[in-house]
Amino acid sequence: MIVKKNSHLFILVFLLLIVTAGGCTTTSDSSSQIILAHHMSVNHPVSEGIRYMAKRIDEKSGGKLQIKIYPSGQLGAERELLELLQIGTVDMAKVSAAKLGNFVPAYQVYELPYLFRSKKHMEKVLWGPVGKKLLLTGLDQHLRGIVYYDAGLRSFYSKEHPILKPEDLKGLKIRVQPSIMATNFIRTLGGSPTPIPYGELYTALQAGIVDGAENNVPSLYTSHHYEICKYYSITEHTGVPDVLMMSTEKWNKLSSQEQEWLQEAAEESAEYERKLWQESVQESMKTFEEAGVHIYHPDKEPFIESVQPMYKQFKEEHPKLEKWVNRIKQVN
């Protein structure tokens, strides 16, 4: 707890220095400036998308509205960034919907396995009326969703044998994110969920602490986990998006024209990021094949059938969120 407090204190002092230097609200030429933070590396598709947004806002506003970006976790982890957004210390942040669920309950629906029938269905939901309405469910928590960034669909990769049906997970230790939903998912399929920090996963796979994990295609590539896990099963069980969030305090301070510039630029950046993501998927899959990774496309129906009890449990525990599940399923 002491470390966390000190971490928050350091970030707050750092941001105070930015403010006194004229970088938080206005720049030296009186143009408005937005502080945006995220934890992605600078070469990640989402990071490139955010830089594109900053470029477009500068162009649209003629330099009157600018974004100052702090990548790679410089201002804290995602939970810390959400807390800083709520108090208005940071203006914008990119976070995973999985982390957002702890602050804005509606985002928890995105963690349900096989909520999306396909990548096309996911895109229609996120960038359609349903997804846009869900972005505004956090206003009471002082969090305004601006746009989604593509974070792909997650699939299983393993060391000893491919995962082609739920029974193949029995007895396997599968790394999961620190999420109740992710833990329940693996346990429901018969595996042994093992929470491990992402940065420690390569070593954990090498040492046999876990037998496999699950993630999207570009992450399997950038993490180099494919060097250890030679079986990649395209189960596409979850599609938890990244979300660009904004402090309602900062949003309300912007003029209607500035809000329009920002929203337009963000949506353009999301489209740009989706193209980069798809290119990254294609390049990654080519690398997997060259590295001798065996790629499988198992029948998803047995997996879908196996996780139905999770939907019943979700409805019982979160009756107010059932409407979002139904709205998403109804999207053609």
Foldseek 3Di string as FASTA:
>chain_A
DVVVVVLLVVLLVVLVVCVVCQAPAAHPVRAGEAEEEEQDDCPALLNVLVVQLQVLLCVVVVNNYGYDYHYNQPNHHPLSVLVCLLVPSHFKYKAWLQSCCVQQVLSVVQLQWCLAVDPVLVCCCCPHDLNQVSQCRRVVSQKGFQHWAFFAFKWKFFAPDACQFLVVQAPFEEEDDPGPSRCVLSVLSRHHYDHDPPVCVLVCCVVVVGGIYMGHQLVCQVSVSLLRTQEIEPLRTGTTIITMMGGNVVVVPDDPSSNVSSSVSSVVSRVSSVVVVVVSNVVSVVVSVVSNRDYHYHDNVNSVVSSVVVVVVCCVVCVVNVVSSVVSVPRD
